[in-house]
Amino acid sequence: MSSRFSYQNHTEALKPLFALKAHIDHSGLEKKLVHLVMLRASQLNGCAYCIDMHSKEARADGETEQRLYLLQAWREAPFYSARERAALAWCEAVTRLDPIHGVPDDVYAQTSAEFDERELLDLNLLVILINSWNRIAIPTRTEAGSFQPTQRKTA
């Protein structure tokens, strides 16, 4: 599948997303948690480019292969903390918003038990951010496979 057009040639239009990423990077949310949420939303949305990118970035930042391999089955896997589980549940609920009920009360209760109000806002902004990137990469057919974590660090 070939790319349709390059959003990367229009960085001016993407400044709000870069600014939101900078906010997330300085929010205090744990780096591993951020990687897991970005990867999980990308899996849910079927964004090959972002799955490739965020799995590589997570590994470069010390995430284990085991936790990455089992992320799709995080509910059954014992290696995620209560805070990570709450973040992943929030990520799934916000990414797949129920058309009638939105985010279920039990997911909110689980998440608010692990995150204070500011952290929950930042987590929600993180989910919005990665869903935005997925909705750019998927329709443009950005090709997966060539991303290297050093690209992001030097950009």
Protein backbone atom coordinates (compact mmCIF):
# COMPACT_ATOMS: atom_id res chain seq x y z
CA MET A 1 0.00 0.00 0.00
CA SER A 2 1.54 3.31 -1.01
CA SER A 3 1.26 6.62 0.80
CA ARG A 4 -1.39 9.03 -0.43
CA PHE A 5 0.29 12.27 0.63
CA SER A 6 2.83 13.39 3.19
CA TYR A 7 1.63 15.26 6.24
CA GLN A 8 5.30 15.61 7.17
CA ASN A 9 5.69 18.31 4.51
CA HIS A 10 3.22 20.52 6.41
CA THR A 11 4.69 20.83 9.89
CA GLU A 12 3.12 24.28 10.43
CA ALA A 13 -0.32 22.67 10.46
CA LEU A 14 0.88 20.10 12.99
CA LYS A 15 2.24 22.57 15.56
CA PRO A 16 -0.74 22.12 17.92
CA LEU A 17 -0.08 18.37 18.07
CA PHE A 18 3.63 18.91 18.71
CA ALA A 19 2.74 21.39 21.48
CA LEU A 20 0.37 18.87 23.04
CA LYS A 21 3.11 16.21 22.93
CA ALA A 22 5.51 18.62 24.65
CA HIS A 23 2.89 19.18 27.35
CA ILE A 24 2.49 15.41 27.85
CA ASP A 25 6.27 14.99 28.00
CA HIS A 26 6.41 17.49 30.89
CA SER A 27 3.18 16.41 32.59
CA GLY A 28 4.71 13.95 35.02
CA LEU A 29 3.00 10.92 33.49
CA GLU A 30 5.44 8.03 33.54
CA LYS A 31 7.23 7.45 30.24
CA LYS A 32 6.41 3.72 30.18
CA LEU A 33 2.74 4.46 30.82
CA VAL A 34 2.71 7.00 27.98
CA HIS A 35 4.25 4.44 25.61
CA LEU A 36 1.73 1.77 26.61
CA VAL A 37 -1.23 4.10 26.07
CA MET A 38 0.06 5.31 22.70
CA LEU A 39 0.70 1.77 21.55
CA ARG A 40 -2.64 0.44 22.80
CA ALA A 41 -4.69 3.17 21.10
CA SER A 42 -2.75 2.58 17.89
CA GLN A 43 -3.53 -1.15 18.13
CA LEU A 44 -7.22 -0.41 18.61
CA ASN A 45 -7.24 1.92 15.62
CA GLY A 46 -5.15 -0.40 13.43
CA CYS A 47 -2.48 2.22 12.75
CA ALA A 48 0.52 0.24 11.51
CA TYR A 49 2.84 3.25 11.36
CA CYS A 50 2.10 4.28 14.96
CA ILE A 51 2.27 0.69 16.25
CA ASP A 52 5.71 0.37 14.68
CA MET A 53 6.84 3.75 16.02
CA HIS A 54 5.57 3.39 19.57
CA SER A 55 6.71 -0.20 20.05
CA LYS A 56 10.22 0.81 18.93
CA GLU A 57 10.23 3.91 21.14
CA ALA A 58 9.02 1.87 24.12
CA ARG A 59 11.80 -0.68 23.63
CA ALA A 60 14.39 2.10 23.26
CA ASP A 61 13.19 3.51 26.59
CA GLY A 62 13.53 0.15 28.36
CA GLU A 63 10.11 -1.46 28.01
CA THR A 64 10.21 -5.26 27.97
CA GLU A 65 9.26 -7.28 24.95
CA GLN A 66 6.99 -9.42 27.09
CA ARG A 67 4.84 -6.45 28.15
CA LEU A 68 4.69 -5.19 24.57
CA TYR A 69 3.74 -8.60 23.17
CA LEU A 70 0.94 -9.04 25.69
CA LEU A 71 -0.43 -5.52 25.61
CA GLN A 72 -3.48 -6.56 23.60
CA ALA A 73 -4.32 -9.00 26.42
CA TRP A 74 -3.36 -6.69 29.31
CA ARG A 75 -6.41 -7.70 31.37
CA GLU A 76 -5.18 -11.30 31.51
CA ALA A 77 -1.46 -10.56 31.89
CA PRO A 78 0.01 -10.05 35.37
CA PHE A 79 2.79 -7.60 34.49
CA TYR A 80 0.88 -4.30 34.47
CA SER A 81 0.45 -2.16 37.57
CA ALA A 82 -2.94 -0.99 38.82
CA ARG A 83 -2.11 2.48 37.50
CA GLU A 84 -1.20 1.11 34.05
CA ARG A 85 -4.37 -0.99 34.00
CA ALA A 86 -6.46 2.07 34.82
CA ALA A 87 -4.71 4.05 32.07
CA LEU A 88 -5.26 1.27 29.55
CA ALA A 89 -8.93 0.94 30.48
CA TRP A 90 -9.31 4.73 30.09
CA CYS A 91 -7.47 4.61 26.77
CA GLU A 92 -9.79 1.91 25.43
CA ALA A 93 -12.94 3.65 26.67
CA VAL A 94 -11.99 7.04 25.21
CA THR A 95 -10.74 5.56 21.93
CA ARG A 96 -13.92 3.52 21.51
CA LEU A 97 -16.38 6.00 22.99
CA ASP A 98 -19.73 4.35 23.58
CA PRO A 99 -22.24 6.33 21.51
CA ILE A 100 -24.82 6.35 24.32
CA HIS A 101 -22.89 6.22 27.59
CA GLY A 102 -19.45 7.62 26.71
CA VAL A 103 -16.88 6.43 29.25
CA PRO A 104 -18.46 3.95 31.70
CA ASP A 105 -18.64 4.90 35.37
CA ASP A 106 -16.63 1.85 36.44
CA VAL A 107 -13.76 2.88 34.16
CA TYR A 108 -13.88 6.41 35.56
CA ALA A 109 -13.88 5.04 39.12
CA GLN A 110 -10.91 2.77 38.36
CA THR A 111 -8.97 5.58 36.73
CA SER A 112 -9.79 8.28 39.27
CA ALA A 113 -8.58 5.93 42.01
CA GLU A 114 -5.12 5.89 40.39
CA PHE A 115 -4.87 9.42 38.91
CA ASP A 116 -5.56 12.78 40.50
CA GLU A 117 -7.65 15.28 38.54
CA ARG A 118 -4.69 16.89 36.74
CA GLU A 119 -3.16 13.54 35.86
CA LEU A 120 -6.51 12.33 34.54
CA LEU A 121 -6.77 15.40 32.33
CA ASP A 122 -3.23 14.76 31.05
CA LEU A 123 -4.06 11.09 30.45
CA ASN A 124 -7.16 12.11 28.53
CA LEU A 125 -5.09 14.59 26.47
CA LEU A 126 -2.62 11.78 25.74
CA VAL A 127 -5.43 9.57 24.40
CA ILE A 128 -6.73 12.47 22.31
CA LEU A 129 -3.21 13.09 20.97
CA ILE A 130 -2.54 9.54 19.83
CA ASN A 131 -6.00 9.18 18.34
CA SER A 132 -5.32 12.38 16.39
CA TRP A 133 -2.02 11.03 15.08
CA ASN A 134 -3.69 7.73 14.16
CA ARG A 135 -6.32 9.67 12.24
CA ILE A 136 -3.56 11.40 10.30
CA ALA A 137 -1.36 8.37 9.61
CA ILE A 138 -4.14 5.96 8.59
CA PRO A 139 -5.84 8.02 5.85
CA THR A 140 -2.49 9.23 4.48
CA ARG A 141 -1.30 5.61 4.43
CA THR A 142 1.97 6.48 6.10
CA GLU A 143 4.13 3.43 5.55
CA ALA A 144 5.22 1.43 8.59
CA GLY A 145 8.64 -0.02 9.17
CA SER A 146 11.23 2.66 8.62
CA PHE A 147 10.87 4.66 11.85
CA GLN A 148 13.86 4.60 14.19
CA PRO A 149 13.66 6.03 17.75
CA THR A 150 16.73 8.19 17.15
CA GLN A 151 14.71 10.11 14.52
CA ARG A 152 12.43 11.49 17.23
CA LYS A 153 15.23 12.34 19.65
CA THR A 154 17.16 14.35 17.07
CA ALA A 155 14.13 16.10 15.52
